[in-house]
PDB file of N, CA and C in Angstrom:
ATOM      1  N   MET A   1      61.990   4.935  14.554  1.00  0.00           N
ATOM      2  CA  MET A   1      62.537   3.874  13.776  1.00  0.00           C
ATOM      3  C   MET A   1      63.008   2.721  14.632  1.00  0.00           C
ATOM      4  N   ALA A   2      63.515   3.010  15.813  1.00  0.00           N
ATOM      5  CA  ALA A   2      64.029   1.959  16.682  1.00  0.00           C
ATOM      6  C   ALA A   2      62.920   1.008  17.082  1.00  0.00           C
ATOM      7  N   GLN A   3      61.717   1.536  17.275  1.00  0.00           N
ATOM      8  CA  GLN A   3      60.614   0.676  17.670  1.00  0.00           C
ATOM      9  C   GLN A   3      60.239  -0.275  16.537  1.00  0.00           C
ATOM     10  N   THR A   4      60.227   0.214  15.332  1.00  0.00           N
ATOM     11  CA  THR A   4      59.865  -0.644  14.209  1.00  0.00           C
ATOM     12  C   THR A   4      60.948  -1.675  13.944  1.00  0.00           C
ATOM     13  N   PHE A   5      62.182  -1.337  14.266  1.00  0.00           N
ATOM     14  CA  PHE A   5      63.273  -2.282  14.047  1.00  0.00           C
ATOM     15  C   PHE A   5      63.196  -3.444  15.035  1.00  0.00           C
ATOM     16  N   TRP A   6      62.871  -3.182  16.303  1.00  0.00           N
ATOM     17  CA  TRP A   6      62.856  -4.229  17.340  1.00  0.00           C
ATOM     18  C   TRP A   6      61.549  -5.002  17.381  1.00  0.00           C
ATOM     19  N   GLU A   7      60.465  -4.376  17.074  1.00  0.00           N
ATOM     20  CA  GLU A   7      59.161  -5.027  17.171  1.00  0.00           C
ATOM     21  C   GLU A   7      59.054  -6.287  16.314  1.00  0.00           C
ATOM     22  N   PRO A   8      59.464  -6.278  15.079  1.00  0.00           N
ATOM     23  CA  PRO A   8      59.362  -7.526  14.303  1.00  0.00           C
ATOM     24  C   PRO A   8      60.233  -8.634  14.901  1.00  0.00           C
ATOM     25  N   GLU A   9      61.351  -8.270  15.470  1.00  0.00           N
ATOM     26  CA  GLU A   9      62.233  -9.275  16.043  1.00  0.00           C
ATOM     27  C   GLU A   9      61.589  -9.912  17.263  1.00  0.00           C
ATOM     28  N   VAL A  10      60.942  -9.092  18.097  1.00  0.00           N
ATOM     29  CA  VAL A  10      60.242  -9.603  19.261  1.00  0.00           C
ATOM     30  C   VAL A  10      59.109 -10.499  18.813  1.00  0.00           C
ATOM     31  N   ALA A  11      58.390 -10.090  17.811  1.00  0.00           N
ATOM     32  CA  ALA A  11      57.277 -10.887  17.299  1.00  0.00           C
ATOM     33  C   ALA A  11      57.792 -12.210  16.765  1.00  0.00           C
ATOM     34  N   GLU A  12      58.913 -12.187  16.056  1.00  0.00           N
ATOM     35  CA  GLU A  12      59.481 -13.429  15.541  1.00  0.00           C
ATOM     36  C   GLU A  12      59.926 -14.326  16.684  1.00  0.00           C
ATOM     37  N   THR A  13      60.493 -13.757  17.737  1.00  0.00           N
ATOM     38  CA  THR A  13      60.950 -14.545  18.870  1.00  0.00           C
ATOM     39  C   THR A  13      59.770 -15.224  19.542  1.00  0.00           C
ATOM     40  N   GLN A  14      58.679 -14.510  19.690  1.00  0.00           N
ATOM     41  CA  GLN A  14      57.502 -15.079  20.330  1.00  0.00           C
ATOM     42  C   GLN A  14      56.922 -16.205  19.488  1.00  0.00           C
ATOM     43  N   THR A  15      56.842 -16.001  18.214  1.00  0.00           N
ATOM     44  CA  THR A  15      56.282 -17.051  17.369  1.00  0.00           C
ATOM     45  C   THR A  15      57.225 -18.238  17.310  1.00  0.00           C
ATOM     46  N   THR A  16      58.511 -17.974  17.313  1.00  0.00           N
ATOM     47  CA  THR A  16      59.483 -19.057  17.280  1.00  0.00           C
ATOM     48  C   THR A  16      59.396 -19.873  18.562  1.00  0.00           C
ATOM     49  N   ASP A  17      59.277 -19.200  19.710  1.00  0.00           N
ATOM     50  CA  ASP A  17      59.188 -19.888  20.986  1.00  0.00           C
ATOM     51  C   ASP A  17      57.919 -20.728  21.052  1.00  0.00           C
ATOM     52  N   GLU A  18      56.811 -20.172  20.564  1.00  0.00           N
ATOM     53  CA  GLU A  18      55.551 -20.898  20.607  1.00  0.00           C
ATOM     54  C   GLU A  18      55.590 -22.110  19.691  1.00  0.00           C
ATOM     55  N   SER A  19      56.180 -21.945  18.524  1.00  0.00           N
ATOM     56  CA  SER A  19      56.232 -23.064  17.591  1.00  0.00           C
ATOM     57  C   SER A  19      57.173 -24.150  18.114  1.00  0.00           C
ATOM     58  N   GLN A  20      58.204 -23.756  18.836  1.00  0.00           N
ATOM     59  CA  GLN A  20      59.113 -24.746  19.407  1.00  0.00           C
ATOM     60  C   GLN A  20      58.492 -25.416  20.617  1.00  0.00           C
ATOM     61  N   ALA A  21      57.666 -24.728  21.356  1.00  0.00           N
ATOM     62  CA  ALA A  21      57.051 -25.289  22.551  1.00  0.00           C
ATOM     63  C   ALA A  21      56.042 -26.365  22.189  1.00  0.00           C
ATOM     64  N   GLU A  22      55.334 -26.181  21.110  1.00  0.00           N
ATOM     65  CA  GLU A  22      54.324 -27.156  20.715  1.00  0.00           C
ATOM     66  C   GLU A  22      54.930 -28.504  20.361  1.00  0.00           C
ATOM     67  N   PRO A  23      55.989 -28.577  19.567  1.00  0.00           N
ATOM     68  CA  PRO A  23      56.559 -29.886  19.247  1.00  0.00           C
ATOM     69  C   PRO A  23      57.096 -30.588  20.504  1.00  0.00           C
ATOM     70  N   VAL A  24      57.605 -29.837  21.461  1.00  0.00           N
ATOM     71  CA  VAL A  24      58.106 -30.454  22.680  1.00  0.00           C
ATOM     72  C   VAL A  24      56.947 -31.110  23.418  1.00  0.00           C
ATOM     73  N   ALA A  25      55.824 -30.419  23.475  1.00  0.00           N
ATOM     74  CA  ALA A  25      54.648 -30.975  24.136  1.00  0.00           C
ATOM     75  C   ALA A  25      54.141 -32.194  23.367  1.00  0.00           C
ATOM     76  N   LEU A  26      54.215 -32.146  22.072  1.00  0.00           N
ATOM     77  CA  LEU A  26      53.764 -33.266  21.258  1.00  0.00           C
ATOM     78  C   LEU A  26      54.770 -34.404  21.267  1.00  0.00           C
ATOM     79  N   ALA A  27      56.016 -34.105  21.594  1.00  0.00           N
ATOM     80  CA  ALA A  27      57.062 -35.120  21.563  1.00  0.00           C
ATOM     81  C   ALA A  27      56.938 -36.112  22.722  1.00  0.00           C
ATOM     82  N   LEU A  28      56.124 -35.806  23.730  1.00  0.00           N
ATOM     83  CA  LEU A  28      55.928 -36.749  24.827  1.00  0.00           C
ATOM     84  C   LEU A  28      55.226 -37.980  24.273  1.00  0.00           C
ATOM     85  N   SER A  29      55.845 -39.090  24.443  1.00  0.00           N
ATOM     86  CA  SER A  29      55.301 -40.305  23.847  1.00  0.00           C
ATOM     87  C   SER A  29      54.927 -41.297  24.940  1.00  0.00           C
ATOM     88  N   ALA A  30      54.497 -42.429  24.491  1.00  0.00           N
ATOM     89  CA  ALA A  30      54.132 -43.495  25.436  1.00  0.00           C
ATOM     90  C   ALA A  30      55.359 -43.932  26.237  1.00  0.00           C
ATOM     91  N   ALA A  31      56.525 -43.887  25.628  1.00  0.00           N
ATOM     92  CA  ALA A  31      57.759 -44.269  26.335  1.00  0.00           C
ATOM     93  C   ALA A  31      58.039 -43.311  27.492  1.00  0.00           C
ATOM     94  N   ASP A  32      57.763 -42.029  27.267  1.00  0.00           N
ATOM     95  CA  ASP A  32      57.950 -41.050  28.333  1.00  0.00           C
ATOM     96  C   ASP A  32      56.991 -41.312  29.478  1.00  0.00           C
ATOM     97  N   PHE A  33      55.753 -41.622  29.152  1.00  0.00           N
ATOM     98  CA  PHE A  33      54.776 -41.926  30.198  1.00  0.00           C
ATOM     99  C   PHE A  33      55.144 -43.209  30.922  1.00  0.00           C
ATOM    100  N   THR A  34      55.665 -44.173  30.193  1.00  0.00           N
ATOM    101  CA  THR A  34      56.097 -45.422  30.812  1.00  0.00           C
ATOM    102  C   THR A  34      57.262 -45.171  31.759  1.00  0.00           C
ATOM    103  N   ALA A  35      58.190 -44.347  31.341  1.00  0.00           N
ATOM    104  CA  ALA A  35      59.328 -44.017  32.208  1.00  0.00           C
ATOM    105  C   ALA A  35      58.851 -43.290  33.458  1.00  0.00           C
ATOM    106  N   LEU A  36      57.902 -42.387  33.276  1.00  0.00           N
ATOM    107  CA  LEU A  36      57.329 -41.677  34.420  1.00  0.00           C
ATOM    108  C   LEU A  36      56.625 -42.645  35.352  1.00  0.00           C
ATOM    109  N   GLU A  37      55.867 -43.566  34.774  1.00  0.00           N
ATOM    110  CA  GLU A  37      55.165 -44.569  35.577  1.00  0.00           C
ATOM    111  C   GLU A  37      56.153 -45.431  36.362  1.00  0.00           C
ATOM    112  N   GLU A  38      57.257 -45.813  35.744  1.00  0.00           N
ATOM    113  CA  GLU A  38      58.278 -46.614  36.424  1.00  0.00           C
ATOM    114  C   GLU A  38      58.904 -45.837  37.581  1.00  0.00           C
ATOM    115  N   ARG A  39      59.147 -44.565  37.367  1.00  0.00           N
ATOM    116  CA  ARG A  39      59.704 -43.741  38.441  1.00  0.00           C
ATOM    117  C   ARG A  39      58.735 -43.622  39.605  1.00  0.00           C
ATOM    118  N   ILE A  40      57.453 -43.483  39.294  1.00  0.00           N
ATOM    119  CA  ILE A  40      56.438 -43.391  40.346  1.00  0.00           C
ATOM    120  C   ILE A  40      56.355 -44.711  41.108  1.00  0.00           C
ATOM    121  N   VAL A  41      56.388 -45.830  40.390  1.00  0.00           N
ATOM    122  CA  VAL A  41      56.341 -47.146  41.039  1.00  0.00           C
ATOM    123  C   VAL A  41      57.548 -47.321  41.944  1.00  0.00           C
ATOM    124  N   ARG A  42      58.739 -46.932  41.473  1.00  0.00           N
ATOM    125  CA  ARG A  42      59.941 -47.026  42.312  1.00  0.00           C
ATOM    126  C   ARG A  42      59.832 -46.143  43.544  1.00  0.00           C
ATOM    127  N   ALA A  43      59.261 -44.968  43.375  1.00  0.00           N
ATOM    128  CA  ALA A  43      59.078 -44.062  44.517  1.00  0.00           C
ATOM    129  C   ALA A  43      58.116 -44.668  45.530  1.00  0.00           C
ATOM    130  N   ILE A  44      57.049 -45.283  45.044  1.00  0.00           N
ATOM    131  CA  ILE A  44      56.079 -45.929  45.943  1.00  0.00           C
ATOM    132  C   ILE A  44      56.741 -47.079  46.684  1.00  0.00           C
ATOM    133  N   GLU A  45      57.534 -47.876  45.982  1.00  0.00           N
ATOM    134  CA  GLU A  45      58.234 -48.995  46.628  1.00  0.00           C
ATOM    135  C   GLU A  45      59.215 -48.485  47.674  1.00  0.00           C
ATOM    136  N   LEU A  46      59.887 -47.401  47.360  1.00  0.00           N
ATOM    137  CA  LEU A  46      60.824 -46.814  48.308  1.00  0.00           C
ATOM    138  C   LEU A  46      60.096 -46.330  49.556  1.00  0.00           C
ATOM    139  N   VAL A  47      58.960 -45.687  49.370  1.00  0.00           N
ATOM    140  CA  VAL A  47      58.174 -45.210  50.516  1.00  0.00           C
ATOM    141  C   VAL A  47      57.706 -46.390  51.357  1.00  0.00           C
ATOM    142  N   LYS A  48      57.236 -47.452  50.700  1.00  0.00           N
ATOM    143  CA  LYS A  48      56.788 -48.644  51.439  1.00  0.00           C
ATOM    144  C   LYS A  48      57.925 -49.245  52.255  1.00  0.00           C
ATOM    145  N   SER A  49      59.093 -49.388  51.638  1.00  0.00           N
ATOM    146  CA  SER A  49      60.218 -49.993  52.358  1.00  0.00           C
ATOM    147  C   SER A  49      60.677 -49.103  53.511  1.00  0.00           C
ATOM    148  N   GLU A  50      60.636 -47.802  53.314  1.00  0.00           N
ATOM    149  CA  GLU A  50      61.013 -46.887  54.391  1.00  0.00           C
ATOM    150  C   GLU A  50      60.009 -46.942  55.538  1.00  0.00           C
ATOM    151  N   ARG A  51      58.740 -47.091  55.223  1.00  0.00           N
ATOM    152  CA  ARG A  51      57.714 -47.227  56.267  1.00  0.00           C
ATOM    153  C   ARG A  51      57.924 -48.516  57.049  1.00  0.00           C
ATOM    154  N   GLN A  52      58.255 -49.599  56.343  1.00  0.00           N
ATOM    155  CA  GLN A  52      58.510 -50.863  57.019  1.00  0.00           C
ATOM    156  C   GLN A  52      59.744 -50.751  57.915  1.00  0.00           C
ATOM    157  N   ALA A  53      60.779 -50.103  57.416  1.00  0.00           N
ATOM    158  CA  ALA A  53      61.988 -49.918  58.214  1.00  0.00           C
ATOM    159  C   ALA A  53      61.701 -49.057  59.441  1.00  0.00           C
ATOM    160  N   ARG A  54      60.876 -48.044  59.272  1.00  0.00           N
ATOM    161  CA  ARG A  54      60.521 -47.182  60.397  1.00  0.00           C
ATOM    162  C   ARG A  54      59.727 -47.961  61.438  1.00  0.00           C
ATOM    163  N   ALA A  55      58.772 -48.779  60.975  1.00  0.00           N
ATOM    164  CA  ALA A  55      57.973 -49.584  61.901  1.00  0.00           C
ATOM    165  C   ALA A  55      58.870 -50.564  62.664  1.00  0.00           C
ATOM    166  N   ALA A  56      59.820 -51.171  61.966  1.00  0.00           N
ATOM    167  CA  ALA A  56      60.742 -52.099  62.620  1.00  0.00           C
ATOM    168  C   ALA A  56      61.609 -51.367  63.646  1.00  0.00           C
ATOM    169  N   ALA A  57      62.064 -50.179  63.304  1.00  0.00           N
ATOM    170  CA  ALA A  57      62.887 -49.395  64.226  1.00  0.00           C
ATOM    171  C   ALA A  57      62.084 -48.982  65.457  1.00  0.00           C
ATOM    172  N   GLU A  58      60.828 -48.598  65.243  1.00  0.00           N
ATOM    173  CA  GLU A  58      59.977 -48.225  66.380  1.00  0.00           C
ATOM    174  C   GLU A  58      59.726 -49.427  67.281  1.00  0.00           C
ATOM    175  N   GLU A  59      59.563 -50.597  66.682  1.00  0.00           N
ATOM    176  CA  GLU A  59      59.352 -51.812  67.465  1.00  0.00           C
ATOM    177  C   GLU A  59      60.602 -52.148  68.282  1.00  0.00           C
ATOM    178  N   ARG A  60      61.775 -52.036  67.660  1.00  0.00           N
ATOM    179  CA  ARG A  60      63.032 -52.285  68.397  1.00  0.00           C
ATOM    180  C   ARG A  60      63.196 -51.292  69.532  1.00  0.00           C
ATOM    181  N   ALA A  61      62.841 -50.040  69.297  1.00  0.00           N
ATOM    182  CA  ALA A  61      62.950 -49.018  70.335  1.00  0.00           C
ATOM    183  C   ALA A  61      62.003 -49.321  71.493  1.00  0.00           C
ATOM    184  N   ALA A  62      60.794 -49.774  71.172  1.00  0.00           N
ATOM    185  CA  ALA A  62      59.828 -50.108  72.223  1.00  0.00           C
ATOM    186  C   ALA A  62      60.329 -51.289  73.050  1.00  0.00           C
ATOM    187  N   ARG A  63      60.902 -52.301  72.365  1.00  0.00           N
ATOM    188  CA  ARG A  63      61.451 -53.455  73.105  1.00  0.00           C
ATOM    189  C   ARG A  63      62.617 -53.032  73.985  1.00  0.00           C
ATOM    190  N   ALA A  64      63.464 -52.156  73.482  1.00  0.00           N
ATOM    191  CA  ALA A  64      64.609 -51.688  74.265  1.00  0.00           C
ATOM    192  C   ALA A  64      64.145 -50.899  75.488  1.00  0.00           C
ATOM    193  N   GLU A  65      63.125 -50.078  75.320  1.00  0.00           N
ATOM    194  CA  GLU A  65      62.592 -49.318  76.451  1.00  0.00           C
ATOM    195  C   GLU A  65      61.984 -50.258  77.492  1.00  0.00           C
ATOM    196  N   ALA A  66      61.279 -51.294  77.024  1.00  0.00           N
ATOM    197  CA  ALA A  66      60.691 -52.263  77.946  1.00  0.00           C
ATOM    198  C   ALA A  66      61.781 -53.008  78.702  1.00  0.00           C
ATOM    199  N   GLN A  67      62.816 -53.394  77.981  1.00  0.00           N
ATOM    200  CA  GLN A  67      63.935 -54.102  78.611  1.00  0.00           C
ATOM    201  C   GLN A  67      64.624 -53.201  79.631  1.00  0.00           C
ATOM    202  N   LEU A  68      64.780 -51.952  79.300  1.00  0.00           N
ATOM    203  CA  LEU A  68      65.393 -51.003  80.217  1.00  0.00           C
ATOM    204  C   LEU A  68      64.523 -50.841  81.466  1.00  0.00           C
ATOM    205  N   GLY A  69      63.206 -50.793  81.249  1.00  0.00           N
ATOM    206  CA  GLY A  69      62.289 -50.692  82.374  1.00  0.00           C
ATOM    207  C   GLY A  69      62.377 -51.904  83.291  1.00  0.00           C
ATOM    208  N   GLU A  70      62.578 -53.079  82.701  1.00  0.00           N
ATOM    209  CA  GLU A  70      62.717 -54.301  83.499  1.00  0.00           C
ATOM    210  C   GLU A  70      64.026 -54.297  84.279  1.00  0.00           C
ATOM    211  N   GLN A  71      65.060 -53.741  83.712  1.00  0.00           N
ATOM    212  CA  GLN A  71      66.374 -53.759  84.347  1.00  0.00           C
ATOM    213  C   GLN A  71      66.571 -52.607  85.316  1.00  0.00           C
ATOM    214  N   SER A  72      65.659 -51.668  85.344  1.00  0.00           N
ATOM    215  CA  SER A  72      65.799 -50.518  86.217  1.00  0.00           C
ATOM    216  C   SER A  72      65.911 -50.905  87.692  1.00  0.00           C
ATOM    217  N   PRO A  73      65.083 -51.815  88.213  1.00  0.00           N
ATOM    218  CA  PRO A  73      65.245 -52.217  89.615  1.00  0.00           C
ATOM    219  C   PRO A  73      66.596 -52.885  89.878  1.00  0.00           C
ATOM    220  N   VAL A  74      67.078 -53.653  88.933  1.00  0.00           N
ATOM    221  CA  VAL A  74      68.382 -54.301  89.088  1.00  0.00           C
ATOM    222  C   VAL A  74      69.471 -53.247  89.172  1.00  0.00           C
ATOM    223  N   VAL A  75      69.390 -52.248  88.309  1.00  0.00           N
ATOM    224  CA  VAL A  75      70.381 -51.166  88.305  1.00  0.00           C
ATOM    225  C   VAL A  75      70.324 -50.399  89.624  1.00  0.00           C
ATOM    226  N   ASP A  76      69.118 -50.132  90.094  1.00  0.00           N
ATOM    227  CA  ASP A  76      68.977 -49.427  91.377  1.00  0.00           C
ATOM    228  C   ASP A  76      69.582 -50.236  92.522  1.00  0.00           C
ATOM    229  N   ASN A  77      69.353 -51.557  92.511  1.00  0.00           N
ATOM    230  CA  ASN A  77      69.938 -52.419  93.546  1.00  0.00           C
ATOM    231  C   ASN A  77      71.460 -52.400  93.483  1.00  0.00           C
ATOM    232  N   LEU A  78      71.989 -52.437  92.277  1.00  0.00           N
ATOM    233  CA  LEU A  78      73.453 -52.401  92.119  1.00  0.00           C
ATOM    234  C   LEU A  78      74.024 -51.064  92.604  1.00  0.00           C
ATOM    235  N   LYS A  79      73.348 -49.992  92.323  1.00  0.00           N
ATOM    236  CA  LYS A  79      73.810 -48.681  92.803  1.00  0.00           C
ATOM    237  C   LYS A  79      73.821 -48.634  94.326  1.00  0.00           C
ATOM    238  N   GLN A  80      72.765 -49.171  94.933  1.00  0.00           N
ATOM    239  CA  GLN A  80      72.700 -49.191  96.401  1.00  0.00           C
ATOM    240  C   GLN A  80      73.811 -50.068  96.973  1.00  0.00           C
ATOM    241  N   GLU A  81      74.072 -51.197  96.337  1.00  0.00           N
ATOM    242  CA  GLU A  81      75.146 -52.081  96.796  1.00  0.00           C
ATOM    243  C   GLU A  81      76.501 -51.385  96.698  1.00  0.00           C
ATOM    244  N   ILE A  82      76.724 -50.643  95.643  1.00  0.00           N
ATOM    245  CA  ILE A  82      77.985 -49.896  95.489  1.00  0.00           C
ATOM    246  C   ILE A  82      78.114 -48.861  96.604  1.00  0.00           C
ATOM    247  N   ARG A  83      77.028 -48.155  96.905  1.00  0.00           N
ATOM    248  CA  ARG A  83      77.067 -47.175  98.011  1.00  0.00           C
ATOM    249  C   ARG A  83      77.416 -47.859  99.325  1.00  0.00           C
ATOM    250  N   ASN A  84      76.786 -49.007  99.572  1.00  0.00           N
ATOM    251  CA  ASN A  84      77.062 -49.738 100.811  1.00  0.00           C
ATOM    252  C   ASN A  84      78.514 -50.193 100.880  1.00  0.00           C
ATOM    253  N   LEU A  85      79.030 -50.690  99.776  1.00  0.00           N
ATOM    254  CA  LEU A  85      80.422 -51.150  99.750  1.00  0.00           C
ATOM    255  C   LEU A  85      81.396 -49.997  99.957  1.00  0.00           C
ATOM    256  N   ARG A  86      81.099 -48.847  99.388  1.00  0.00           N
ATOM    257  CA  ARG A  86      81.971 -47.678  99.596  1.00  0.00           C
ATOM    258  C   ARG A  86      81.947 -47.232 101.050  1.00  0.00           C
ATOM    259  N   THR A  87      80.775 -47.254 101.644  1.00  0.00           N
ATOM    260  CA  THR A  87      80.669 -46.887 103.055  1.00  0.00           C
ATOM    261  C   THR A  87      81.475 -47.861 103.911  1.00  0.00           C
ATOM    262  N   GLU A  88      81.312 -49.150 103.621  1.00  0.00           N
ATOM    263  CA  GLU A  88      82.059 -50.173 104.363  1.00  0.00           C
ATOM    264  C   GLU A  88      83.561 -49.993 104.162  1.00  0.00           C
ATOM    265  N   ARG A  89      83.984 -49.691 102.955  1.00  0.00           N
ATOM    266  CA  ARG A  89      85.409 -49.460 102.675  1.00  0.00           C
ATOM    267  C   ARG A  89      85.937 -48.293 103.493  1.00  0.00           C
ATOM    268  N   ASP A  90      85.161 -47.213 103.555  1.00  0.00           N
ATOM    269  CA  ASP A  90      85.578 -46.053 104.345  1.00  0.00           C
ATOM    270  C   ASP A  90      85.702 -46.413 105.827  1.00  0.00           C
ATOM    271  N   GLN A  91      84.780 -47.213 106.323  1.00  0.00           N
ATOM    272  CA  GLN A  91      84.845 -47.640 107.727  1.00  0.00           C
ATOM    273  C   GLN A  91      86.078 -48.495 107.978  1.00  0.00           C
ATOM    274  N   VAL A  92      86.370 -49.412 107.061  1.00  0.00           N
ATOM    275  CA  VAL A  92      87.559 -50.261 107.199  1.00  0.00           C
ATOM    276  C   VAL A  92      88.817 -49.410 107.139  1.00  0.00           C
ATOM    277  N   ARG A  93      88.856 -48.440 106.263  1.00  0.00           N
ATOM    278  CA  ARG A  93      90.010 -47.551 106.140  1.00  0.00           C
ATOM    279  C   ARG A  93      90.232 -46.795 107.452  1.00  0.00           C
ATOM    280  N   GLN A  94      89.157 -46.290 108.020  1.00  0.00           N
ATOM    281  CA  GLN A  94      89.284 -45.564 109.293  1.00  0.00           C
ATOM    282  C   GLN A  94      89.789 -46.483 110.397  1.00  0.00           C
ATOM    283  N   ARG A  95      89.304 -47.705 110.453  1.00  0.00           N
ATOM    284  CA  ARG A  95      89.752 -48.653 111.482  1.00  0.00           C
ATOM    285  C   ARG A  95      91.227 -48.977 111.296  1.00  0.00           C
ATOM    286  N   VAL A  96      91.635 -49.188 110.031  1.00  0.00           N
ATOM    287  CA  VAL A  96      93.050 -49.495 109.771  1.00  0.00           C
ATOM    288  C   VAL A  96      93.918 -48.314 110.157  1.00  0.00           C
ATOM    289  N   GLU A  97      93.474 -47.097 109.849  1.00  0.00           N
ATOM    290  CA  GLU A  97      94.249 -45.907 110.217  1.00  0.00           C
ATOM    291  C   GLU A  97      94.383 -45.807 111.740  1.00  0.00           C
ATOM    292  N   ARG A  98      93.319 -46.087 112.493  1.00  0.00           N
ATOM    293  CA  ARG A  98      93.391 -46.060 113.966  1.00  0.00           C
ATOM    294  C   ARG A  98      94.363 -47.107 114.479  1.00  0.00           C
ATOM    295  N   LEU A  99      94.298 -48.310 113.876  1.00  0.00           N
ATOM    296  CA  LEU A  99      95.217 -49.372 114.297  1.00  0.00           C
ATOM    297  C   LEU A  99      96.670 -48.980 114.005  1.00  0.00           C
ATOM    298  N   LEU A 100      96.900 -48.371 112.838  1.00  0.00           N
ATOM    299  CA  LEU A 100      98.259 -47.942 112.497  1.00  0.00           C
ATOM    300  C   LEU A 100      98.748 -46.856 113.453  1.00  0.00           C
ATOM    301  N   LYS A 101      97.876 -45.955 113.843  1.00  0.00           N
ATOM    302  CA  LYS A 101      98.246 -44.917 114.806  1.00  0.00           C
ATOM    303  C   LYS A 101      98.592 -45.546 116.155  1.00  0.00           C
ATOM    304  N   GLN A 102      97.825 -46.552 116.557  1.00  0.00           N
ATOM    305  CA  GLN A 102      98.106 -47.227 117.827  1.00  0.00           C
ATOM    306  C   GLN A 102      99.444 -47.950 117.767  1.00  0.00           C
ATOM    307  N   LEU A 103      99.729 -48.571 116.587  1.00  0.00           N
ATOM    308  CA  LEU A 103     101.028 -49.244 116.441  1.00  0.00           C
ATOM    309  C   LEU A 103     102.170 -48.240 116.482  1.00  0.00           C
ATOM    310  N   ASP A 104     101.968 -47.104 115.817  1.00  0.00           N
ATOM    311  CA  ASP A 104     102.989 -46.054 115.839  1.00  0.00           C
ATOM    312  C   ASP A 104     103.217 -45.565 117.258  1.00  0.00           C
ATOM    313  N   ALA A 105     102.152 -45.459 118.044  1.00  0.00           N
ATOM    314  CA  ALA A 105     102.275 -44.992 119.426  1.00  0.00           C
ATOM    315  C   ALA A 105     103.022 -46.011 120.278  1.00  0.00           C
ATOM    316  N   LEU A 106     102.859 -47.272 119.997  1.00  0.00           N
ATOM    317  CA  LEU A 106     103.563 -48.324 120.757  1.00  0.00           C
ATOM    318  C   LEU A 106     105.049 -48.348 120.432  1.00  0.00           C
ATOM    319  N   GLU A 107     105.422 -48.034 119.265  1.00  0.00           N
ATOM    320  CA  GLU A 107     106.820 -48.087 118.844  1.00  0.00           C
ATOM    321  C   GLU A 107     107.639 -46.959 119.443  1.00  0.00           C
ATOM    322  N   LEU A 108     107.019 -45.892 119.809  1.00  0.00           N
ATOM    323  CA  LEU A 108     107.779 -44.765 120.358  1.00  0.00           C
ATOM    324  C   LEU A 108     108.260 -45.142 121.692  1.00  0.00           C
TER     325      LEU A 108
END
């Protein structure tokens, strides 16, 4: 008896679902297609603008890399100059320390 009790209900549910599904499919109108078309057009425009932004960013990056490449010798020269100045400073410091030691020796 339980099978006969549930079977008609399942059958009714299936027919109800199918009958409800058909009107939903039929309910798609020209306005729905137009809205879909507008969304697709907006998506295409968004993709185009993002591609343009990416191309511009890649171009800026290439220019920055080129500029960095041009400035690399200048940076290397500045680094060498800093090394030379530090070496000279150390030499001057040593000379001043020797002179101070000599002055201290004279005062005794």
